[in-house]
């Protein structure tokens, strides 16, 4: 069977995860990412400072032990072990683990902390500026593509309208030609009709004359 601490840890992890996601559901993603990055920067600064402290203990920056023989860069700047001990006070133990808090900091640790932030902020500024330029270039490219697509769509509409007008003009021309043909055929048919009518009237008159003579 699973031990009680494992079960408790799984249950608490599930509850904390649900509370976290429910609580941050309405939070803006960009602000959440900025806050997370800011916290991670502090944690990284603490790791860097703690790493420098470990290097001091290895006598990389001069004698570390005994304390009486330490050079100035390994001397403590202040001592807060009475109230903020990073080995016995649980809160400051956590702070030491997270942000590299030291109750007896040295000039090397201060210099390392300041150097870290100088490099981190400079690198972040350069990267953010580069990202903004790339984003502006992409936005300009997208706008250019949208304008070209709009122009192509406009040209296509104009071509379609021209095609429709040409078809309408062709239909009108064909209709006019048909009308002209009909009128021409009617004009040609009128003399023929008159001749037939004249012949018919002549035959009728001759028939009447012959009938009269016979009577």
C-alpha atoms as a PDB file:
ATOM      1  CA  UNK A   1       0.000   0.000   0.000  1.00  0.00           C
ATOM      2  CA  UNK A   2       1.059   3.567  -0.595  1.00  0.00           C
ATOM      3  CA  UNK A   3       2.364   5.432   2.453  1.00  0.00           C
ATOM      4  CA  UNK A   4       0.350   8.310   3.856  1.00  0.00           C
ATOM      5  CA  UNK A   5       2.866  11.064   2.928  1.00  0.00           C
ATOM      6  CA  UNK A   6       2.734  10.093  -0.773  1.00  0.00           C
ATOM      7  CA  UNK A   7      -1.076  10.113  -0.797  1.00  0.00           C
ATOM      8  CA  UNK A   8      -1.160  13.444   1.027  1.00  0.00           C
ATOM      9  CA  UNK A   9       1.355  14.928  -1.393  1.00  0.00           C
ATOM     10  CA  UNK A  10      -0.675  13.783  -4.427  1.00  0.00           C
ATOM     11  CA  UNK A  11      -3.908  15.175  -2.985  1.00  0.00           C
ATOM     12  CA  UNK A  12      -2.332  18.489  -2.000  1.00  0.00           C
ATOM     13  CA  UNK A  13      -0.624  18.808  -5.376  1.00  0.00           C
ATOM     14  CA  UNK A  14      -3.980  18.269  -7.078  1.00  0.00           C
ATOM     15  CA  UNK A  15      -5.695  20.856  -4.875  1.00  0.00           C
ATOM     16  CA  UNK A  16      -2.930  23.417  -5.310  1.00  0.00           C
ATOM     17  CA  UNK A  17      -2.956  22.888  -9.067  1.00  0.00           C
ATOM     18  CA  UNK A  18      -6.745  23.337  -9.281  1.00  0.00           C
ATOM     19  CA  UNK A  19      -6.643  26.459  -7.128  1.00  0.00           C
ATOM     20  CA  UNK A  20      -3.797  27.875  -9.184  1.00  0.00           C
ATOM     21  CA  UNK A  21      -5.477  27.317 -12.544  1.00  0.00           C
ATOM     22  CA  UNK A  22      -8.864  28.503 -11.324  1.00  0.00           C
ATOM     23  CA  UNK A  23      -7.320  31.587  -9.758  1.00  0.00           C
ATOM     24  CA  UNK A  24      -5.312  32.516 -12.834  1.00  0.00           C
ATOM     25  CA  UNK A  25      -8.029  31.727 -15.379  1.00  0.00           C
ATOM     26  CA  UNK A  26      -8.965  35.410 -15.805  1.00  0.00           C
ATOM     27  CA  UNK A  27      -5.402  36.681 -15.601  1.00  0.00           C
ATOM     28  CA  UNK A  28      -3.879  38.158 -18.733  1.00  0.00           C
ATOM     29  CA  UNK A  29      -1.334  35.812 -20.238  1.00  0.00           C
ATOM     30  CA  UNK A  30       1.197  38.542 -21.021  1.00  0.00           C
ATOM     31  CA  UNK A  31       1.218  39.805 -17.410  1.00  0.00           C
ATOM     32  CA  UNK A  32       1.471  36.257 -16.099  1.00  0.00           C
ATOM     33  CA  UNK A  33       4.490  35.571 -18.307  1.00  0.00           C
ATOM     34  CA  UNK A  34       6.159  38.821 -17.250  1.00  0.00           C
ATOM     35  CA  UNK A  35       5.656  38.106 -13.566  1.00  0.00           C
ATOM     36  CA  UNK A  36       6.939  34.541 -14.007  1.00  0.00           C
ATOM     37  CA  UNK A  37      10.033  35.774 -15.873  1.00  0.00           C
ATOM     38  CA  UNK A  38      10.698  38.400 -13.167  1.00  0.00           C
ATOM     39  CA  UNK A  39      10.506  35.764 -10.416  1.00  0.00           C
ATOM     40  CA  UNK A  40      12.753  33.406 -12.371  1.00  0.00           C
ATOM     41  CA  UNK A  41      15.304  36.197 -12.767  1.00  0.00           C
ATOM     42  CA  UNK A  42      15.465  36.651  -8.989  1.00  0.00           C
ATOM     43  CA  UNK A  43      15.816  32.904  -8.480  1.00  0.00           C
ATOM     44  CA  UNK A  44      18.609  32.765 -11.048  1.00  0.00           C
ATOM     45  CA  UNK A  45      20.345  35.688  -9.355  1.00  0.00           C
ATOM     46  CA  UNK A  46      20.201  33.802  -6.059  1.00  0.00           C
ATOM     47  CA  UNK A  47      21.667  30.690  -7.665  1.00  0.00           C
ATOM     48  CA  UNK A  48      24.488  32.736  -9.168  1.00  0.00           C
ATOM     49  CA  UNK A  49      25.256  34.404  -5.835  1.00  0.00           C
ATOM     50  CA  UNK A  50      25.173  31.056  -4.023  1.00  0.00           C
ATOM     51  CA  UNK A  51      27.514  29.590  -6.626  1.00  0.00           C
ATOM     52  CA  UNK A  52      29.972  32.419  -6.017  1.00  0.00           C
ATOM     53  CA  UNK A  53      29.750  31.764  -2.257  1.00  0.00           C
ATOM     54  CA  UNK A  54      30.595  28.105  -2.840  1.00  0.00           C
ATOM     55  CA  UNK A  55      33.562  29.145  -4.958  1.00  0.00           C
ATOM     56  CA  UNK A  56      34.689  31.372  -2.093  1.00  0.00           C
ATOM     57  CA  UNK A  57      34.624  28.419   0.270  1.00  0.00           C
ATOM     58  CA  UNK A  58      36.904  26.592  -2.186  1.00  0.00           C
ATOM     59  CA  UNK A  59      39.484  29.435  -1.783  1.00  0.00           C
ATOM     60  CA  UNK A  60      39.021  30.556  -5.400  1.00  0.00           C
ATOM     61  CA  UNK A  61      38.987  34.227  -4.345  1.00  0.00           C
ATOM     62  CA  UNK A  62      41.593  33.909  -1.612  1.00  0.00           C
ATOM     63  CA  UNK A  63      41.782  32.338   1.817  1.00  0.00           C
ATOM     64  CA  UNK A  64      38.417  31.458   3.304  1.00  0.00           C
ATOM     65  CA  UNK A  65      39.438  29.602   6.423  1.00  0.00           C
ATOM     66  CA  UNK A  66      40.516  30.619   8.980  1.00  0.00           C
ATOM     67  CA  UNK A  67      38.448  33.829   9.148  1.00  0.00           C
ATOM     68  CA  UNK A  68      41.317  35.866  10.533  1.00  0.00           C
ATOM     69  CA  UNK A  69      43.293  35.366   7.349  1.00  0.00           C
ATOM     70  CA  UNK A  70      40.527  36.234   4.907  1.00  0.00           C
ATOM     71  CA  UNK A  71      41.282  39.041   2.416  1.00  0.00           C
ATOM     72  CA  UNK A  72      38.924  41.995   2.057  1.00  0.00           C
ATOM     73  CA  UNK A  73      36.855  40.417  -0.696  1.00  0.00           C
ATOM     74  CA  UNK A  74      35.982  37.518   1.608  1.00  0.00           C
ATOM     75  CA  UNK A  75      35.191  39.628   4.662  1.00  0.00           C
ATOM     76  CA  UNK A  76      31.550  39.904   5.694  1.00  0.00           C
ATOM     77  CA  UNK A  77      29.829  43.217   4.979  1.00  0.00           C
ATOM     78  CA  UNK A  78      27.283  42.774   7.780  1.00  0.00           C
ATOM     79  CA  UNK A  79      26.092  40.062  10.112  1.00  0.00           C
ATOM     80  CA  UNK A  80      22.374  39.342  10.662  1.00  0.00           C
ATOM     81  CA  UNK A  81      22.678  35.865  12.140  1.00  0.00           C
ATOM     82  CA  UNK A  82      20.904  36.961  15.349  1.00  0.00           C
ATOM     83  CA  UNK A  83      17.568  37.727  13.661  1.00  0.00           C
ATOM     84  CA  UNK A  84      17.789  36.432  10.095  1.00  0.00           C
ATOM     85  CA  UNK A  85      19.916  33.326  10.277  1.00  0.00           C
ATOM     86  CA  UNK A  86      19.913  31.496   6.935  1.00  0.00           C
ATOM     87  CA  UNK A  87      20.631  28.152   8.618  1.00  0.00           C
ATOM     88  CA  UNK A  88      18.182  28.027  11.545  1.00  0.00           C
ATOM     89  CA  UNK A  89      15.312  30.348  10.570  1.00  0.00           C
ATOM     90  CA  UNK A  90      13.026  28.434   8.195  1.00  0.00           C
ATOM     91  CA  UNK A  91      11.856  31.485   6.298  1.00  0.00           C
ATOM     92  CA  UNK A  92      15.377  32.676   5.581  1.00  0.00           C
ATOM     93  CA  UNK A  93      16.429  29.136   4.764  1.00  0.00           C
ATOM     94  CA  UNK A  94      13.760  29.227   2.077  1.00  0.00           C
ATOM     95  CA  UNK A  95      14.933  32.667   0.953  1.00  0.00           C
ATOM     96  CA  UNK A  96      18.472  31.377   0.696  1.00  0.00           C
ATOM     97  CA  UNK A  97      17.267  28.463  -1.441  1.00  0.00           C
ATOM     98  CA  UNK A  98      15.131  30.689  -3.683  1.00  0.00           C
ATOM     99  CA  UNK A  99      16.974  33.991  -4.063  1.00  0.00           C
ATOM    100  CA  UNK A 100      20.390  33.234  -2.533  1.00  0.00           C
ATOM    101  CA  UNK A 101      19.940  35.192   0.684  1.00  0.00           C
ATOM    102  CA  UNK A 102      23.074  35.382   2.892  1.00  0.00           C
ATOM    103  CA  UNK A 103      23.115  36.513   6.509  1.00  0.00           C
ATOM    104  CA  UNK A 104      26.840  37.300   6.172  1.00  0.00           C
ATOM    105  CA  UNK A 105      27.308  38.580   2.607  1.00  0.00           C
ATOM    106  CA  UNK A 106      30.742  39.380   1.205  1.00  0.00           C
ATOM    107  CA  UNK A 107      31.885  41.931  -1.433  1.00  0.00           C
ATOM    108  CA  UNK A 108      32.345  39.086  -3.923  1.00  0.00           C
ATOM    109  CA  UNK A 109      28.692  38.090  -3.538  1.00  0.00           C
ATOM    110  CA  UNK A 110      27.553  41.699  -3.927  1.00  0.00           C
ATOM    111  CA  UNK A 111      29.691  42.075  -7.020  1.00  0.00           C
ATOM    112  CA  UNK A 112      28.395  38.783  -8.439  1.00  0.00           C
ATOM    113  CA  UNK A 113      24.755  39.787  -7.746  1.00  0.00           C
ATOM    114  CA  UNK A 114      25.209  43.197  -9.391  1.00  0.00           C
ATOM    115  CA  UNK A 115      27.066  41.677 -12.357  1.00  0.00           C
ATOM    116  CA  UNK A 116      24.298  39.147 -12.861  1.00  0.00           C
ATOM    117  CA  UNK A 117      21.594  41.812 -12.977  1.00  0.00           C
ATOM    118  CA  UNK A 118      23.663  44.019 -15.260  1.00  0.00           C
ATOM    119  CA  UNK A 119      24.175  41.170 -17.733  1.00  0.00           C
ATOM    120  CA  UNK A 120      20.586  39.932 -17.417  1.00  0.00           C
ATOM    121  CA  UNK A 121      19.031  43.363 -17.978  1.00  0.00           C
ATOM    122  CA  UNK A 122      21.393  44.202 -20.845  1.00  0.00           C
ATOM    123  CA  UNK A 123      20.762  40.877 -22.556  1.00  0.00           C
ATOM    124  CA  UNK A 124      17.024  41.193 -21.991  1.00  0.00           C
ATOM    125  CA  UNK A 125      16.988  44.718 -23.426  1.00  0.00           C
ATOM    126  CA  UNK A 126      18.865  43.615 -26.549  1.00  0.00           C
ATOM    127  CA  UNK A 127      16.656  40.550 -27.057  1.00  0.00           C
ATOM    128  CA  UNK A 128      13.424  42.473 -26.521  1.00  0.00           C
ATOM    129  CA  UNK A 129      14.521  45.195 -28.928  1.00  0.00           C
ATOM    130  CA  UNK A 130      15.459  42.596 -31.528  1.00  0.00           C
ATOM    131  CA  UNK A 131      12.129  40.815 -31.058  1.00  0.00           C
ATOM    132  CA  UNK A 132      10.248  44.124 -31.496  1.00  0.00           C
ATOM    133  CA  UNK A 133      12.094  44.872 -34.726  1.00  0.00           C
ATOM    134  CA  UNK A 134      11.362  41.394 -36.059  1.00  0.00           C
ATOM    135  CA  UNK A 135       7.707  41.768 -35.079  1.00  0.00           C
ATOM    136  CA  UNK A 136       7.463  45.168 -36.792  1.00  0.00           C
ATOM    137  CA  UNK A 137       9.032  43.693 -39.931  1.00  0.00           C
ATOM    138  CA  UNK A 138       6.556  40.805 -39.885  1.00  0.00           C
ATOM    139  CA  UNK A 139       3.623  43.190 -39.368  1.00  0.00           C
ATOM    140  CA  UNK A 140       4.792  45.314 -42.304  1.00  0.00           C
ATOM    141  CA  UNK A 141       5.120  42.174 -44.454  1.00  0.00           C
ATOM    142  CA  UNK A 142       1.653  41.001 -43.454  1.00  0.00           C
ATOM    143  CA  UNK A 143       0.196  44.428 -44.302  1.00  0.00           C
ATOM    144  CA  UNK A 144       1.923  44.367 -47.683  1.00  0.00           C
ATOM    145  CA  UNK A 145       0.525  40.919 -48.386  1.00  0.00           C
ATOM    146  CA  UNK A 146      -2.965  42.075 -47.349  1.00  0.00           C
ATOM    147  CA  UNK A 147      -2.706  45.097 -49.647  1.00  0.00           C
ATOM    148  CA  UNK A 148      -1.600  42.903 -52.559  1.00  0.00           C
ATOM    149  CA  UNK A 149      -4.458  40.491 -51.881  1.00  0.00           C
ATOM    150  CA  UNK A 150      -6.903  43.427 -51.778  1.00  0.00           C
ATOM    151  CA  UNK A 151      -5.534  44.763 -55.065  1.00  0.00           C
ATOM    152  CA  UNK A 152      -5.854  41.354 -56.690  1.00  0.00           C
ATOM    153  CA  UNK A 153      -9.404  41.021 -55.416  1.00  0.00           C
ATOM    154  CA  UNK A 154     -10.257  44.493 -56.787  1.00  0.00           C
ATOM    155  CA  UNK A 155      -8.698  43.671 -60.159  1.00  0.00           C
ATOM    156  CA  UNK A 156     -10.635  40.417 -60.289  1.00  0.00           C
ATOM    157  CA  UNK A 157     -13.893  42.236 -59.566  1.00  0.00           C
ATOM    158  CA  UNK A 158     -13.129  44.795 -62.289  1.00  0.00           C
ATOM    159  CA  UNK A 159     -12.363  42.032 -64.785  1.00  0.00           C
ATOM    160  CA  UNK A 160     -15.590  40.251 -63.896  1.00  0.00           C
ATOM    161  CA  UNK A 161     -17.530  43.494 -64.373  1.00  0.00           C
ATOM    162  CA  UNK A 162     -15.844  44.063 -67.747  1.00  0.00           C
ATOM    163  CA  UNK A 163     -16.742  40.529 -68.798  1.00  0.00           C
ATOM    164  CA  UNK A 164     -20.348  41.100 -67.799  1.00  0.00           C
ATOM    165  CA  UNK A 165     -20.463  44.396 -69.740  1.00  0.00           C
ATOM    166  CA  UNK A 166     -18.922  42.754 -72.806  1.00  0.00           C
ATOM    167  CA  UNK A 167     -21.483  39.975 -72.656  1.00  0.00           C
ATOM    168  CA  UNK A 168     -24.291  42.507 -72.311  1.00  0.00           C
ATOM    169  CA  UNK A 169     -22.967  44.538 -75.257  1.00  0.00           C
ATOM    170  CA  UNK A 170     -22.661  41.369 -77.345  1.00  0.00           C
ATOM    171  CA  UNK A 171     -26.219  40.378 -76.495  1.00  0.00           C
ATOM    172  CA  UNK A 172     -27.465  43.845 -77.418  1.00  0.00           C
ATOM    173  CA  UNK A 173     -25.554  43.766 -80.705  1.00  0.00           C
ATOM    174  CA  UNK A 174     -26.929  40.329 -81.534  1.00  0.00           C
ATOM    175  CA  UNK A 175     -30.419  41.540 -80.740  1.00  0.00           C
ATOM    176  CA  UNK A 176     -29.989  44.563 -82.997  1.00  0.00           C
ATOM    177  CA  UNK A 177     -28.705  42.372 -85.820  1.00  0.00           C
ATOM    178  CA  UNK A 178     -31.692  40.064 -85.465  1.00  0.00           C
ATOM    179  CA  UNK A 179     -34.072  43.025 -85.605  1.00  0.00           C
ATOM    180  CA  UNK A 180     -32.348  44.383 -88.696  1.00  0.00           C
ATOM    181  CA  UNK A 181     -32.526  40.978 -90.383  1.00  0.00           C
ATOM    182  CA  UNK A 182     -36.219  40.678 -89.600  1.00  0.00           C
ATOM    183  CA  UNK A 183     -36.912  44.162 -90.954  1.00  0.00           C
ATOM    184  CA  UNK A 184     -34.888  43.381 -94.080  1.00  0.00           C
ATOM    185  CA  UNK A 185     -36.764  40.151 -94.660  1.00  0.00           C
ATOM    186  CA  UNK A 186     -40.075  41.912 -94.158  1.00  0.00           C
ATOM    187  CA  UNK A 187     -39.058  44.662 -96.604  1.00  0.00           C
ATOM    188  CA  UNK A 188     -38.116  42.020 -99.196  1.00  0.00           C
ATOM    189  CA  UNK A 189     -41.361  40.163 -98.598  1.00  0.00           C
ATOM    190  CA  UNK A 190     -43.612  43.245 -99.150  1.00  0.00           C
ATOM    191  CA  UNK A 191     -43.016  43.598-102.981  1.00  0.00           C
ATOM    192  CA  UNK A 192     -43.544  39.880-103.392  1.00  0.00           C
ATOM    193  CA  UNK A 193     -46.823  40.104-101.539  1.00  0.00           C
ATOM    194  CA  UNK A 194     -47.948  43.026-103.717  1.00  0.00           C
ATOM    195  CA  UNK A 195     -47.073  41.114-106.927  1.00  0.00           C
ATOM    196  CA  UNK A 196     -48.954  38.036-105.735  1.00  0.00           C
ATOM    197  CA  UNK A 197     -51.942  40.198-104.802  1.00  0.00           C
ATOM    198  CA  UNK A 198     -51.845  41.897-108.252  1.00  0.00           C
ATOM    199  CA  UNK A 199     -51.695  38.535-110.028  1.00  0.00           C
ATOM    200  CA  UNK A 200     -54.576  37.280-107.944  1.00  0.00           C
ATOM    201  CA  UNK A 201     -56.717  40.306-108.755  1.00  0.00           C
ATOM    202  CA  UNK A 202     -55.945  39.914-112.500  1.00  0.00           C
ATOM    203  CA  UNK A 203     -56.952  36.255-112.425  1.00  0.00           C
ATOM    204  CA  UNK A 204     -60.149  37.140-110.601  1.00  0.00           C
ATOM    205  CA  UNK A 205     -61.052  39.808-113.180  1.00  0.00           C
ATOM    206  CA  UNK A 206     -60.399  37.434-116.064  1.00  0.00           C
ATOM    207  CA  UNK A 207     -62.501  34.794-114.407  1.00  0.00           C
ATOM    208  CA  UNK A 208     -65.406  37.212-114.011  1.00  0.00           C
ATOM    209  CA  UNK A 209     -65.114  38.298-117.689  1.00  0.00           C
ATOM    210  CA  UNK A 210     -65.211  34.705-118.878  1.00  0.00           C
ATOM    211  CA  UNK A 211     -68.207  34.006-116.699  1.00  0.00           C
ATOM    212  CA  UNK A 212     -70.003  37.024-118.091  1.00  0.00           C
ATOM    213  CA  UNK A 213     -69.331  35.997-121.720  1.00  0.00           C
ATOM    214  CA  UNK A 214     -70.537  32.511-121.039  1.00  0.00           C
ATOM    215  CA  UNK A 215     -73.773  33.773-119.630  1.00  0.00           C
END
